[in-house]
């Protein structure tokens, strides 16, 4: 592994993100209804809260959006337009979560912080006028890994209900070295560069190598009894993604235990496709997420 300067890497990632074309350019940026800092035992958590137009004062279900970034890149702003879209399409409150990141906050801090945030909203549902009986979580890449881990914690602790989890090309196997995953027909030089990036992600996030197989770091390696009874899941897979195999395994594992799983693979898409061009598959995936949320929330009215 060739070490990467984390500060420089974050600056470059933010600059690159600012140049990317937006999938939904018609949605205004910074369109959240409230920005708040929620105190949890794992530190203050910055959130942006979105509410569908015309629903002020109505108690609505709530969806927590967990951004990606290898557990190490810390900005939720790229998900801003998608959170507005989900709020409108699914008719729910959306909370865009700015969780702590590695290496400053290593495993399990992001997972425990997000779990604490869900519990905070459940216990103080009147502060943002949300339905404490209809709570969902979802995330993209590493955010999908956090969402899966929080769902497992909820199953273990039972402190609040959860309607569903949405795992969008989730990063849920940190035990398998990145170089041993299936990178398909990727150019060798490009593959080596990405393998090194993922090696750094793992080293930053899991500073104790013995934690790589931990259930909350690698849900894809769970046993049947560890996932039995977890909330229903929507799992979205990018076919041309080195993480596709672990998402497939986790979907089969949940199904084997009787967990309700909705599964969709976009065979020609790459990792991160919901946030980058081409537009068609990205729009389809966001519609799928919103439709799934709307249907699951309607069940529990």
C-alpha atoms as a PDB file:
ATOM      1  CA  UNK A   1       0.000   0.000   0.000  1.00  0.00           C
ATOM      2  CA  UNK A   2       1.236   3.463  -0.929  1.00  0.00           C
ATOM      3  CA  UNK A   3       0.115   5.946   1.769  1.00  0.00           C
ATOM      4  CA  UNK A   4      -2.092   8.851   0.647  1.00  0.00           C
ATOM      5  CA  UNK A   5      -2.172  12.324   2.204  1.00  0.00           C
ATOM      6  CA  UNK A   6      -5.745  12.390   3.532  1.00  0.00           C
ATOM      7  CA  UNK A   7      -6.042  16.203   3.626  1.00  0.00           C
ATOM      8  CA  UNK A   8      -4.900  16.583   0.017  1.00  0.00           C
ATOM      9  CA  UNK A   9      -7.078  13.665  -1.054  1.00  0.00           C
ATOM     10  CA  UNK A  10     -10.163  15.292   0.452  1.00  0.00           C
ATOM     11  CA  UNK A  11      -9.399  18.622  -1.236  1.00  0.00           C
ATOM     12  CA  UNK A  12      -9.019  16.915  -4.601  1.00  0.00           C
ATOM     13  CA  UNK A  13     -12.226  14.917  -4.095  1.00  0.00           C
ATOM     14  CA  UNK A  14     -14.215  18.031  -3.249  1.00  0.00           C
ATOM     15  CA  UNK A  15     -12.808  19.910  -6.258  1.00  0.00           C
ATOM     16  CA  UNK A  16     -13.605  17.003  -8.566  1.00  0.00           C
ATOM     17  CA  UNK A  17     -17.142  16.727  -7.219  1.00  0.00           C
ATOM     18  CA  UNK A  18     -17.757  20.419  -7.885  1.00  0.00           C
ATOM     19  CA  UNK A  19     -16.969  19.882 -11.581  1.00  0.00           C
ATOM     20  CA  UNK A  20     -19.240  16.869 -12.103  1.00  0.00           C
ATOM     21  CA  UNK A  21     -22.461  17.407 -14.061  1.00  0.00           C
ATOM     22  CA  UNK A  22     -25.606  16.993 -11.964  1.00  0.00           C
ATOM     23  CA  UNK A  23     -28.161  14.296 -12.721  1.00  0.00           C
ATOM     24  CA  UNK A  24     -31.063  16.567 -11.727  1.00  0.00           C
ATOM     25  CA  UNK A  25     -29.943  20.102 -12.662  1.00  0.00           C
ATOM     26  CA  UNK A  26     -33.518  21.360 -12.320  1.00  0.00           C
ATOM     27  CA  UNK A  27     -33.467  20.838  -8.532  1.00  0.00           C
ATOM     28  CA  UNK A  28     -32.088  23.862  -6.641  1.00  0.00           C
ATOM     29  CA  UNK A  29     -29.072  23.368  -4.424  1.00  0.00           C
ATOM     30  CA  UNK A  30     -29.240  24.191  -0.733  1.00  0.00           C
ATOM     31  CA  UNK A  31     -32.968  23.530  -0.731  1.00  0.00           C
ATOM     32  CA  UNK A  32     -33.188  21.963   2.725  1.00  0.00           C
ATOM     33  CA  UNK A  33     -35.802  23.251   5.167  1.00  0.00           C
ATOM     34  CA  UNK A  34     -33.584  23.203   8.237  1.00  0.00           C
ATOM     35  CA  UNK A  35     -29.927  22.781   9.135  1.00  0.00           C
ATOM     36  CA  UNK A  36     -29.188  21.604  12.643  1.00  0.00           C
ATOM     37  CA  UNK A  37     -26.506  20.112  14.850  1.00  0.00           C
ATOM     38  CA  UNK A  38     -27.689  17.181  16.939  1.00  0.00           C
ATOM     39  CA  UNK A  39     -25.668  16.207  20.000  1.00  0.00           C
ATOM     40  CA  UNK A  40     -25.071  12.484  20.405  1.00  0.00           C
ATOM     41  CA  UNK A  41     -22.779  10.545  22.699  1.00  0.00           C
ATOM     42  CA  UNK A  42     -20.536  10.068  19.629  1.00  0.00           C
ATOM     43  CA  UNK A  43     -20.203  13.771  19.000  1.00  0.00           C
ATOM     44  CA  UNK A  44     -22.238  16.537  17.352  1.00  0.00           C
ATOM     45  CA  UNK A  45     -23.874  15.523  14.075  1.00  0.00           C
ATOM     46  CA  UNK A  46     -24.660  18.082  11.389  1.00  0.00           C
ATOM     47  CA  UNK A  47     -27.849  17.363   9.444  1.00  0.00           C
ATOM     48  CA  UNK A  48     -29.901  18.961   6.695  1.00  0.00           C
ATOM     49  CA  UNK A  49     -33.624  18.250   6.954  1.00  0.00           C
ATOM     50  CA  UNK A  50     -35.913  18.214   3.905  1.00  0.00           C
ATOM     51  CA  UNK A  51     -39.715  18.224   3.913  1.00  0.00           C
ATOM     52  CA  UNK A  52     -42.077  17.833   0.944  1.00  0.00           C
ATOM     53  CA  UNK A  53     -43.684  21.043  -0.245  1.00  0.00           C
ATOM     54  CA  UNK A  54     -46.989  21.803   1.438  1.00  0.00           C
ATOM     55  CA  UNK A  55     -46.583  19.437   4.408  1.00  0.00           C
ATOM     56  CA  UNK A  56     -45.404  21.806   7.120  1.00  0.00           C
ATOM     57  CA  UNK A  57     -46.881  20.715  10.454  1.00  0.00           C
ATOM     58  CA  UNK A  58     -47.754  17.216   9.212  1.00  0.00           C
ATOM     59  CA  UNK A  59     -46.200  14.210  10.964  1.00  0.00           C
ATOM     60  CA  UNK A  60     -44.371  12.287   8.242  1.00  0.00           C
ATOM     61  CA  UNK A  61     -42.149   9.195   8.107  1.00  0.00           C
ATOM     62  CA  UNK A  62     -38.423   9.898   8.089  1.00  0.00           C
ATOM     63  CA  UNK A  63     -35.578   8.631   5.915  1.00  0.00           C
ATOM     64  CA  UNK A  64     -31.912   9.076   6.867  1.00  0.00           C
ATOM     65  CA  UNK A  65     -29.546   9.484   3.901  1.00  0.00           C
ATOM     66  CA  UNK A  66     -25.923   8.435   4.529  1.00  0.00           C
ATOM     67  CA  UNK A  67     -23.447   9.736   1.964  1.00  0.00           C
ATOM     68  CA  UNK A  68     -20.577   7.728   0.526  1.00  0.00           C
ATOM     69  CA  UNK A  69     -16.845   8.407   0.548  1.00  0.00           C
ATOM     70  CA  UNK A  70     -14.957   5.338   1.721  1.00  0.00           C
ATOM     71  CA  UNK A  71     -15.690   6.176   5.378  1.00  0.00           C
ATOM     72  CA  UNK A  72     -13.089   8.944   5.014  1.00  0.00           C
ATOM     73  CA  UNK A  73     -14.456  11.761   2.819  1.00  0.00           C
ATOM     74  CA  UNK A  74     -16.791  13.979   4.768  1.00  0.00           C
ATOM     75  CA  UNK A  75     -19.242  16.029   2.789  1.00  0.00           C
ATOM     76  CA  UNK A  76     -22.971  15.444   2.396  1.00  0.00           C
ATOM     77  CA  UNK A  77     -23.615  18.371   0.027  1.00  0.00           C
ATOM     78  CA  UNK A  78     -23.458  16.276  -3.196  1.00  0.00           C
ATOM     79  CA  UNK A  79     -26.589  14.445  -2.010  1.00  0.00           C
ATOM     80  CA  UNK A  80     -28.538  17.690  -1.519  1.00  0.00           C
ATOM     81  CA  UNK A  81     -30.693  17.569  -4.704  1.00  0.00           C
ATOM     82  CA  UNK A  82     -31.383  13.855  -4.307  1.00  0.00           C
ATOM     83  CA  UNK A  83     -32.637  14.374  -0.768  1.00  0.00           C
ATOM     84  CA  UNK A  84     -35.115  16.974  -2.013  1.00  0.00           C
ATOM     85  CA  UNK A  85     -36.207  14.588  -4.753  1.00  0.00           C
ATOM     86  CA  UNK A  86     -36.739  11.678  -2.339  1.00  0.00           C
ATOM     87  CA  UNK A  87     -38.686  13.885   0.052  1.00  0.00           C
ATOM     88  CA  UNK A  88     -41.064  14.926  -2.734  1.00  0.00           C
ATOM     89  CA  UNK A  89     -41.409  11.536  -4.424  1.00  0.00           C
ATOM     90  CA  UNK A  90     -41.702   9.430  -1.262  1.00  0.00           C
ATOM     91  CA  UNK A  91     -43.617  12.084   0.750  1.00  0.00           C
ATOM     92  CA  UNK A  92     -41.345  11.786   3.750  1.00  0.00           C
ATOM     93  CA  UNK A  93     -38.930  13.875   5.755  1.00  0.00           C
ATOM     94  CA  UNK A  94     -35.334  13.271   4.656  1.00  0.00           C
ATOM     95  CA  UNK A  95     -32.365  13.810   6.962  1.00  0.00           C
ATOM     96  CA  UNK A  96     -29.030  14.192   5.161  1.00  0.00           C
ATOM     97  CA  UNK A  97     -26.412  13.138   7.700  1.00  0.00           C
ATOM     98  CA  UNK A  98     -22.945  14.648   8.164  1.00  0.00           C
ATOM     99  CA  UNK A  99     -21.355  11.868  10.176  1.00  0.00           C
ATOM    100  CA  UNK A 100     -17.823  11.762  11.599  1.00  0.00           C
ATOM    101  CA  UNK A 101     -15.150  10.225   9.397  1.00  0.00           C
ATOM    102  CA  UNK A 102     -11.844   8.379   9.575  1.00  0.00           C
ATOM    103  CA  UNK A 103      -8.995   8.537  10.284  1.00  0.00           C
ATOM    104  CA  UNK A 104      -9.927  11.173  12.858  1.00  0.00           C
ATOM    105  CA  UNK A 105     -12.921   9.058  13.930  1.00  0.00           C
ATOM    106  CA  UNK A 106     -12.228   5.410  13.216  1.00  0.00           C
ATOM    107  CA  UNK A 107     -14.578   2.424  13.389  1.00  0.00           C
ATOM    108  CA  UNK A 108     -17.107   2.087  14.956  1.00  0.00           C
ATOM    109  CA  UNK A 109     -17.681   5.835  15.487  1.00  0.00           C
ATOM    110  CA  UNK A 110     -19.611   6.563  12.242  1.00  0.00           C
ATOM    111  CA  UNK A 111     -21.898   3.560  12.768  1.00  0.00           C
ATOM    112  CA  UNK A 112     -22.587   4.289  16.423  1.00  0.00           C
ATOM    113  CA  UNK A 113     -23.091   7.999  15.738  1.00  0.00           C
ATOM    114  CA  UNK A 114     -25.661   7.322  13.002  1.00  0.00           C
ATOM    115  CA  UNK A 115     -27.441   4.817  15.229  1.00  0.00           C
ATOM    116  CA  UNK A 116     -27.563   7.397  18.020  1.00  0.00           C
ATOM    117  CA  UNK A 117     -28.953   9.955  15.595  1.00  0.00           C
ATOM    118  CA  UNK A 118     -31.841   7.669  14.611  1.00  0.00           C
ATOM    119  CA  UNK A 119     -32.582   7.025  18.264  1.00  0.00           C
ATOM    120  CA  UNK A 120     -32.522  10.791  18.940  1.00  0.00           C
ATOM    121  CA  UNK A 121     -35.101  11.444  16.224  1.00  0.00           C
ATOM    122  CA  UNK A 122     -37.241   8.578  17.512  1.00  0.00           C
ATOM    123  CA  UNK A 123     -37.153   9.822  21.091  1.00  0.00           C
ATOM    124  CA  UNK A 124     -37.683  13.500  20.138  1.00  0.00           C
ATOM    125  CA  UNK A 125     -39.885  13.051  17.093  1.00  0.00           C
ATOM    126  CA  UNK A 126     -41.960  16.139  17.888  1.00  0.00           C
ATOM    127  CA  UNK A 127     -38.997  18.468  17.405  1.00  0.00           C
ATOM    128  CA  UNK A 128     -38.965  17.835  13.632  1.00  0.00           C
ATOM    129  CA  UNK A 129     -42.543  16.491  13.441  1.00  0.00           C
ATOM    130  CA  UNK A 130     -41.696  12.983  12.254  1.00  0.00           C
ATOM    131  CA  UNK A 131     -43.472   9.673  12.781  1.00  0.00           C
ATOM    132  CA  UNK A 132     -41.363   7.751  15.281  1.00  0.00           C
ATOM    133  CA  UNK A 133     -42.890   4.445  14.126  1.00  0.00           C
ATOM    134  CA  UNK A 134     -41.792   4.873  10.501  1.00  0.00           C
ATOM    135  CA  UNK A 135     -38.007   5.229  10.301  1.00  0.00           C
ATOM    136  CA  UNK A 136     -35.771   4.151   7.410  1.00  0.00           C
ATOM    137  CA  UNK A 137     -32.098   4.445   6.577  1.00  0.00           C
ATOM    138  CA  UNK A 138     -30.169   4.224   3.351  1.00  0.00           C
ATOM    139  CA  UNK A 139     -26.744   4.963   2.011  1.00  0.00           C
ATOM    140  CA  UNK A 140     -24.434   4.886  -0.951  1.00  0.00           C
ATOM    141  CA  UNK A 141     -21.162   2.928  -1.056  1.00  0.00           C
ATOM    142  CA  UNK A 142     -19.627   3.368   2.427  1.00  0.00           C
ATOM    143  CA  UNK A 143     -22.908   5.012   3.417  1.00  0.00           C
ATOM    144  CA  UNK A 144     -24.586   1.757   2.447  1.00  0.00           C
ATOM    145  CA  UNK A 145     -22.163  -0.045   4.728  1.00  0.00           C
ATOM    146  CA  UNK A 146     -23.118   2.244   7.598  1.00  0.00           C
ATOM    147  CA  UNK A 147     -26.826   1.782   6.826  1.00  0.00           C
ATOM    148  CA  UNK A 148     -26.438  -2.000   6.878  1.00  0.00           C
ATOM    149  CA  UNK A 149     -24.523  -1.853  10.171  1.00  0.00           C
ATOM    150  CA  UNK A 150     -27.070   0.470  11.802  1.00  0.00           C
ATOM    151  CA  UNK A 151     -29.839  -1.909  10.738  1.00  0.00           C
ATOM    152  CA  UNK A 152     -27.984  -4.779  12.403  1.00  0.00           C
ATOM    153  CA  UNK A 153     -27.547  -2.724  15.574  1.00  0.00           C
ATOM    154  CA  UNK A 154     -31.257  -1.895  15.551  1.00  0.00           C
ATOM    155  CA  UNK A 155     -32.042  -5.607  15.283  1.00  0.00           C
ATOM    156  CA  UNK A 156     -29.731  -6.337  18.234  1.00  0.00           C
ATOM    157  CA  UNK A 157     -30.818  -3.506  20.543  1.00  0.00           C
ATOM    158  CA  UNK A 158     -34.472  -3.025  19.622  1.00  0.00           C
ATOM    159  CA  UNK A 159     -34.608   0.568  20.890  1.00  0.00           C
ATOM    160  CA  UNK A 160     -36.760   1.847  18.024  1.00  0.00           C
ATOM    161  CA  UNK A 161     -38.552   0.392  14.978  1.00  0.00           C
ATOM    162  CA  UNK A 162     -37.139   0.427  11.453  1.00  0.00           C
ATOM    163  CA  UNK A 163     -39.218   0.161   8.319  1.00  0.00           C
ATOM    164  CA  UNK A 164     -36.526  -0.571   5.756  1.00  0.00           C
ATOM    165  CA  UNK A 165     -32.862  -0.199   4.790  1.00  0.00           C
ATOM    166  CA  UNK A 166     -31.634   0.886   1.360  1.00  0.00           C
ATOM    167  CA  UNK A 167     -28.176  -0.283   0.363  1.00  0.00           C
ATOM    168  CA  UNK A 168     -26.974   1.424  -2.808  1.00  0.00           C
ATOM    169  CA  UNK A 169     -23.864  -0.366  -4.188  1.00  0.00           C
ATOM    170  CA  UNK A 170     -22.846  -0.889  -0.511  1.00  0.00           C
ATOM    171  CA  UNK A 171     -19.276  -1.268   0.722  1.00  0.00           C
ATOM    172  CA  UNK A 172     -19.881  -4.122   3.171  1.00  0.00           C
ATOM    173  CA  UNK A 173     -16.845  -6.406   2.965  1.00  0.00           C
ATOM    174  CA  UNK A 174     -13.744  -4.821   4.468  1.00  0.00           C
ATOM    175  CA  UNK A 175     -12.274  -8.200   5.387  1.00  0.00           C
ATOM    176  CA  UNK A 176     -11.413  -9.183   1.814  1.00  0.00           C
ATOM    177  CA  UNK A 177      -8.356  -7.239   0.578  1.00  0.00           C
ATOM    178  CA  UNK A 178      -9.366  -4.855  -2.224  1.00  0.00           C
ATOM    179  CA  UNK A 179      -6.871  -6.434  -4.600  1.00  0.00           C
ATOM    180  CA  UNK A 180      -8.652  -9.787  -4.287  1.00  0.00           C
ATOM    181  CA  UNK A 181     -12.031  -8.443  -5.420  1.00  0.00           C
ATOM    182  CA  UNK A 182     -13.319  -8.733  -8.974  1.00  0.00           C
ATOM    183  CA  UNK A 183     -12.342  -5.607 -10.901  1.00  0.00           C
ATOM    184  CA  UNK A 184     -13.566  -7.037 -14.191  1.00  0.00           C
ATOM    185  CA  UNK A 185     -11.834  -5.752 -17.281  1.00  0.00           C
ATOM    186  CA  UNK A 186     -10.478  -2.605 -15.671  1.00  0.00           C
ATOM    187  CA  UNK A 187      -7.263  -1.241 -17.134  1.00  0.00           C
ATOM    188  CA  UNK A 188      -4.402  -2.642 -14.962  1.00  0.00           C
ATOM    189  CA  UNK A 189      -2.979   0.808 -14.156  1.00  0.00           C
ATOM    190  CA  UNK A 190      -6.413   2.173 -13.239  1.00  0.00           C
ATOM    191  CA  UNK A 191      -7.147  -0.957 -11.204  1.00  0.00           C
ATOM    192  CA  UNK A 192      -3.891  -0.655  -9.259  1.00  0.00           C
ATOM    193  CA  UNK A 193      -4.632   2.987  -8.456  1.00  0.00           C
ATOM    194  CA  UNK A 194      -8.119   2.167  -7.149  1.00  0.00           C
ATOM    195  CA  UNK A 195      -6.884  -0.828  -5.168  1.00  0.00           C
ATOM    196  CA  UNK A 196      -4.408   1.470  -3.435  1.00  0.00           C
ATOM    197  CA  UNK A 197      -7.173   3.987  -2.649  1.00  0.00           C
ATOM    198  CA  UNK A 198      -9.330   1.244  -1.125  1.00  0.00           C
ATOM    199  CA  UNK A 199      -6.346  -0.117   0.823  1.00  0.00           C
ATOM    200  CA  UNK A 200      -5.973   3.336   2.358  1.00  0.00           C
ATOM    201  CA  UNK A 201      -9.703   3.535   3.121  1.00  0.00           C
ATOM    202  CA  UNK A 202      -9.521   0.297   5.082  1.00  0.00           C
ATOM    203  CA  UNK A 203      -6.364   1.331   6.938  1.00  0.00           C
ATOM    204  CA  UNK A 204      -7.851   4.704   7.879  1.00  0.00           C
ATOM    205  CA  UNK A 205     -11.203   3.339   8.981  1.00  0.00           C
ATOM    206  CA  UNK A 206     -10.130   0.084  10.643  1.00  0.00           C
ATOM    207  CA  UNK A 207      -6.993   1.041  12.490  1.00  0.00           C
ATOM    208  CA  UNK A 208      -6.990  -2.321  14.258  1.00  0.00           C
ATOM    209  CA  UNK A 209      -6.620  -4.986  11.512  1.00  0.00           C
ATOM    210  CA  UNK A 210      -8.447  -7.425  13.775  1.00  0.00           C
ATOM    211  CA  UNK A 211     -11.648  -5.426  13.239  1.00  0.00           C
ATOM    212  CA  UNK A 212     -11.854  -6.042   9.500  1.00  0.00           C
ATOM    213  CA  UNK A 213     -14.128  -9.062   9.914  1.00  0.00           C
ATOM    214  CA  UNK A 214     -16.261  -7.412  12.612  1.00  0.00           C
ATOM    215  CA  UNK A 215     -19.989  -7.706  11.863  1.00  0.00           C
ATOM    216  CA  UNK A 216     -20.478  -3.927  11.766  1.00  0.00           C
ATOM    217  CA  UNK A 217     -17.508  -3.414   9.439  1.00  0.00           C
ATOM    218  CA  UNK A 218     -18.205  -6.346   7.109  1.00  0.00           C
ATOM    219  CA  UNK A 219     -21.918  -7.250   7.189  1.00  0.00           C
ATOM    220  CA  UNK A 220     -21.421  -9.344   4.044  1.00  0.00           C
ATOM    221  CA  UNK A 221     -19.535 -11.855   6.200  1.00  0.00           C
ATOM    222  CA  UNK A 222     -22.365 -12.259   8.720  1.00  0.00           C
ATOM    223  CA  UNK A 223     -23.791 -15.599   9.738  1.00  0.00           C
ATOM    224  CA  UNK A 224     -27.437 -16.510   9.250  1.00  0.00           C
ATOM    225  CA  UNK A 225     -28.336 -15.988  12.895  1.00  0.00           C
ATOM    226  CA  UNK A 226     -26.668 -12.546  12.930  1.00  0.00           C
ATOM    227  CA  UNK A 227     -28.974 -11.156  10.234  1.00  0.00           C
ATOM    228  CA  UNK A 228     -32.168 -13.053  10.997  1.00  0.00           C
ATOM    229  CA  UNK A 229     -34.942 -10.601  11.820  1.00  0.00           C
ATOM    230  CA  UNK A 230     -33.255  -7.521  10.372  1.00  0.00           C
ATOM    231  CA  UNK A 231     -35.598  -5.030   8.663  1.00  0.00           C
ATOM    232  CA  UNK A 232     -36.533  -5.403   4.953  1.00  0.00           C
ATOM    233  CA  UNK A 233     -33.969  -4.207   2.431  1.00  0.00           C
ATOM    234  CA  UNK A 234     -33.665  -2.696  -1.017  1.00  0.00           C
ATOM    235  CA  UNK A 235     -30.266  -3.577  -2.461  1.00  0.00           C
ATOM    236  CA  UNK A 236     -29.035  -1.807  -5.598  1.00  0.00           C
ATOM    237  CA  UNK A 237     -25.986  -3.194  -7.375  1.00  0.00           C
ATOM    238  CA  UNK A 238     -23.782  -1.737 -10.087  1.00  0.00           C
ATOM    239  CA  UNK A 239     -22.763  -4.593 -12.366  1.00  0.00           C
ATOM    240  CA  UNK A 240     -19.367  -3.135 -13.282  1.00  0.00           C
ATOM    241  CA  UNK A 241     -18.306  -2.562  -9.679  1.00  0.00           C
ATOM    242  CA  UNK A 242     -15.701  -4.349  -7.575  1.00  0.00           C
ATOM    243  CA  UNK A 243     -18.252  -4.225  -4.717  1.00  0.00           C
ATOM    244  CA  UNK A 244     -20.955  -6.060  -6.690  1.00  0.00           C
ATOM    245  CA  UNK A 245     -19.981  -9.466  -5.309  1.00  0.00           C
ATOM    246  CA  UNK A 246     -20.391  -8.515  -1.663  1.00  0.00           C
ATOM    247  CA  UNK A 247     -23.783  -6.894  -2.337  1.00  0.00           C
ATOM    248  CA  UNK A 248     -24.920 -10.058  -4.112  1.00  0.00           C
ATOM    249  CA  UNK A 249     -23.765 -12.227  -1.207  1.00  0.00           C
ATOM    250  CA  UNK A 250     -25.529 -10.074   1.354  1.00  0.00           C
ATOM    251  CA  UNK A 251     -28.775 -10.085  -0.631  1.00  0.00           C
ATOM    252  CA  UNK A 252     -28.694 -13.899  -0.798  1.00  0.00           C
ATOM    253  CA  UNK A 253     -27.866 -14.121   2.907  1.00  0.00           C
ATOM    254  CA  UNK A 254     -30.823 -11.958   3.908  1.00  0.00           C
ATOM    255  CA  UNK A 255     -33.163 -13.852   1.607  1.00  0.00           C
ATOM    256  CA  UNK A 256     -32.006 -17.166   3.054  1.00  0.00           C
ATOM    257  CA  UNK A 257     -33.071 -16.063   6.534  1.00  0.00           C
ATOM    258  CA  UNK A 258     -36.483 -14.920   5.318  1.00  0.00           C
ATOM    259  CA  UNK A 259     -35.747 -11.182   5.323  1.00  0.00           C
ATOM    260  CA  UNK A 260     -37.764  -9.382   2.647  1.00  0.00           C
ATOM    261  CA  UNK A 261     -35.334  -8.190  -0.020  1.00  0.00           C
ATOM    262  CA  UNK A 262     -35.958  -6.124  -3.140  1.00  0.00           C
ATOM    263  CA  UNK A 263     -32.948  -6.502  -5.434  1.00  0.00           C
ATOM    264  CA  UNK A 264     -31.999  -4.639  -8.592  1.00  0.00           C
ATOM    265  CA  UNK A 265     -28.775  -4.896 -10.559  1.00  0.00           C
ATOM    266  CA  UNK A 266     -27.845  -2.297 -13.162  1.00  0.00           C
ATOM    267  CA  UNK A 267     -25.515  -4.523 -15.212  1.00  0.00           C
ATOM    268  CA  UNK A 268     -23.768  -1.864 -17.283  1.00  0.00           C
ATOM    269  CA  UNK A 269     -23.299   0.692 -14.479  1.00  0.00           C
ATOM    270  CA  UNK A 270     -20.166   1.522 -12.513  1.00  0.00           C
ATOM    271  CA  UNK A 271     -19.647   2.330  -8.854  1.00  0.00           C
ATOM    272  CA  UNK A 272     -21.246   5.643  -7.927  1.00  0.00           C
ATOM    273  CA  UNK A 273     -23.555   5.618 -10.942  1.00  0.00           C
ATOM    274  CA  UNK A 274     -26.459   7.246  -9.079  1.00  0.00           C
ATOM    275  CA  UNK A 275     -24.409  10.431  -8.813  1.00  0.00           C
ATOM    276  CA  UNK A 276     -22.771  10.572 -12.241  1.00  0.00           C
ATOM    277  CA  UNK A 277     -23.676  10.243 -15.916  1.00  0.00           C
ATOM    278  CA  UNK A 278     -25.202   8.523 -17.845  1.00  0.00           C
ATOM    279  CA  UNK A 279     -28.447   9.982 -16.643  1.00  0.00           C
ATOM    280  CA  UNK A 280     -30.845   7.147 -17.490  1.00  0.00           C
ATOM    281  CA  UNK A 281     -29.734   4.495 -14.972  1.00  0.00           C
ATOM    282  CA  UNK A 282     -29.238   7.141 -12.271  1.00  0.00           C
ATOM    283  CA  UNK A 283     -32.793   8.456 -12.648  1.00  0.00           C
ATOM    284  CA  UNK A 284     -34.149   4.900 -12.641  1.00  0.00           C
ATOM    285  CA  UNK A 285     -32.294   4.121  -9.422  1.00  0.00           C
ATOM    286  CA  UNK A 286     -33.551   7.244  -7.620  1.00  0.00           C
ATOM    287  CA  UNK A 287     -37.116   6.473  -8.708  1.00  0.00           C
ATOM    288  CA  UNK A 288     -36.670   2.944  -7.398  1.00  0.00           C
ATOM    289  CA  UNK A 289     -35.449   4.246  -4.031  1.00  0.00           C
ATOM    290  CA  UNK A 290     -38.319   6.705  -3.686  1.00  0.00           C
ATOM    291  CA  UNK A 291     -40.942   4.173  -4.791  1.00  0.00           C
ATOM    292  CA  UNK A 292     -39.622   1.577  -2.361  1.00  0.00           C
ATOM    293  CA  UNK A 293     -39.692   4.050   0.511  1.00  0.00           C
ATOM    294  CA  UNK A 294     -43.196   5.231  -0.315  1.00  0.00           C
ATOM    295  CA  UNK A 295     -44.534   1.683  -0.484  1.00  0.00           C
ATOM    296  CA  UNK A 296     -42.832   0.556   2.706  1.00  0.00           C
ATOM    297  CA  UNK A 297     -44.004   3.611   4.648  1.00  0.00           C
ATOM    298  CA  UNK A 298     -47.571   3.142   3.393  1.00  0.00           C
ATOM    299  CA  UNK A 299     -47.641  -0.384   4.825  1.00  0.00           C
ATOM    300  CA  UNK A 300     -47.185   0.934   8.341  1.00  0.00           C
ATOM    301  CA  UNK A 301     -49.671   3.805   8.349  1.00  0.00           C
END
